[in-house]
Amino acid sequence: MDDKACRNCHMLIGHGDTCPVCGGKDLTDRWSGYVVMFNAEKSSLAKILGIKVNSAYAVSVE
């Protein structure tokens, strides 16, 4: 994957230079692992990770 991860919310971004979730511009290509959230409203994992928007997120971001 050539996606970049937002250092603030960990969302994976395929193109652009701004995170669509938090509006952050601090993106990095140094991330590992990812989780795809399909139903953030009902997911226990989403609550633990603080995810509110369905998308792909990096597990670890440097």
C-alpha atoms as a PDB file:
ATOM      1  CA  MET A   1       0.000   0.000   0.000  1.00  0.00           C
ATOM      2  CA  ASP A   2       1.219   3.480  -0.836  1.00  0.00           C
ATOM      3  CA  ASP A   3      -1.293   5.164   1.452  1.00  0.00           C
ATOM      4  CA  LYS A   4      -0.266   7.714   4.034  1.00  0.00           C
ATOM      5  CA  ALA A   5      -1.586   7.762   7.577  1.00  0.00           C
ATOM      6  CA  CYS A   6      -2.767  10.787   9.502  1.00  0.00           C
ATOM      7  CA  ARG A   7      -0.633  11.159  12.640  1.00  0.00           C
ATOM      8  CA  ASN A   8      -3.615  12.584  14.517  1.00  0.00           C
ATOM      9  CA  CYS A   9      -6.443  10.078  13.868  1.00  0.00           C
ATOM     10  CA  HIS A  10      -4.536   7.284  12.005  1.00  0.00           C
ATOM     11  CA  MET A  11      -6.891   7.280   8.995  1.00  0.00           C
ATOM     12  CA  LEU A  12      -5.266   5.897   5.834  1.00  0.00           C
ATOM     13  CA  ILE A  13      -5.335   8.376   2.963  1.00  0.00           C
ATOM     14  CA  GLY A  14      -4.801   7.274  -0.638  1.00  0.00           C
ATOM     15  CA  HIS A  15      -4.465  10.713  -2.200  1.00  0.00           C
ATOM     16  CA  GLY A  16      -4.399  14.343  -1.184  1.00  0.00           C
ATOM     17  CA  ASP A  17      -2.565  16.111   1.602  1.00  0.00           C
ATOM     18  CA  THR A  18      -5.361  16.652   4.119  1.00  0.00           C
ATOM     19  CA  CYS A  19      -7.146  14.116   6.312  1.00  0.00           C
ATOM     20  CA  PRO A  20     -10.875  14.080   5.519  1.00  0.00           C
ATOM     21  CA  VAL A  21     -11.758  13.004   9.089  1.00  0.00           C
ATOM     22  CA  CYS A  22      -9.847  15.457  11.297  1.00  0.00           C
ATOM     23  CA  GLY A  23      -8.540  17.974   8.746  1.00  0.00           C
ATOM     24  CA  GLY A  24      -4.934  17.304   9.777  1.00  0.00           C
ATOM     25  CA  LYS A  25      -2.049  17.830   7.367  1.00  0.00           C
ATOM     26  CA  ASP A  26       0.554  15.857   9.326  1.00  0.00           C
ATOM     27  CA  LEU A  27       0.656  12.699   7.181  1.00  0.00           C
ATOM     28  CA  THR A  28       3.297   9.966   7.134  1.00  0.00           C
ATOM     29  CA  ASP A  29       4.144   6.904   5.094  1.00  0.00           C
ATOM     30  CA  ARG A  30       5.672   5.270   8.194  1.00  0.00           C
ATOM     31  CA  TRP A  31       2.811   3.180   9.541  1.00  0.00           C
ATOM     32  CA  SER A  32       2.120  -0.515  10.075  1.00  0.00           C
ATOM     33  CA  GLY A  33      -0.923  -2.738  10.367  1.00  0.00           C
ATOM     34  CA  TYR A  34      -4.415  -1.613   9.541  1.00  0.00           C
ATOM     35  CA  VAL A  35      -8.004  -2.146  10.517  1.00  0.00           C
ATOM     36  CA  VAL A  36     -11.018  -1.544   8.280  1.00  0.00           C
ATOM     37  CA  MET A  37     -14.083  -0.231  10.064  1.00  0.00           C
ATOM     38  CA  PHE A  38     -17.459  -1.019   8.470  1.00  0.00           C
ATOM     39  CA  ASN A  39     -19.807  -0.069  11.308  1.00  0.00           C
ATOM     40  CA  ALA A  40     -18.079   2.373  13.630  1.00  0.00           C
ATOM     41  CA  GLU A  41     -21.299   3.192  15.503  1.00  0.00           C
ATOM     42  CA  LYS A  42     -21.774  -0.372  16.788  1.00  0.00           C
ATOM     43  CA  SER A  43     -18.174  -1.620  16.953  1.00  0.00           C
ATOM     44  CA  SER A  44     -16.538  -2.187  20.342  1.00  0.00           C
ATOM     45  CA  LEU A  45     -13.110  -1.896  18.724  1.00  0.00           C
ATOM     46  CA  ALA A  46     -14.046   1.450  17.167  1.00  0.00           C
ATOM     47  CA  LYS A  47     -14.985   2.753  20.609  1.00  0.00           C
ATOM     48  CA  ILE A  48     -11.660   1.599  22.068  1.00  0.00           C
ATOM     49  CA  LEU A  49      -9.684   3.163  19.197  1.00  0.00           C
ATOM     50  CA  GLY A  50     -11.781   6.338  19.121  1.00  0.00           C
ATOM     51  CA  ILE A  51     -12.951   5.742  15.535  1.00  0.00           C
ATOM     52  CA  LYS A  52     -16.189   7.451  14.529  1.00  0.00           C
ATOM     53  CA  VAL A  53     -16.036   7.268  10.703  1.00  0.00           C
ATOM     54  CA  ASN A  54     -16.082   4.062   8.617  1.00  0.00           C
ATOM     55  CA  SER A  55     -12.761   3.754   6.777  1.00  0.00           C
ATOM     56  CA  ALA A  56      -9.308   2.115   6.976  1.00  0.00           C
ATOM     57  CA  TYR A  57      -7.006   3.097   9.839  1.00  0.00           C
ATOM     58  CA  ALA A  58      -3.359   2.402  10.641  1.00  0.00           C
ATOM     59  CA  VAL A  59      -2.749   0.483  13.867  1.00  0.00           C
ATOM     60  CA  SER A  60       0.702   1.998  14.496  1.00  0.00           C
ATOM     61  CA  VAL A  61       1.958   5.359  13.193  1.00  0.00           C
ATOM     62  CA  GLU A  62       5.501   6.691  13.630  1.00  0.00           C
END
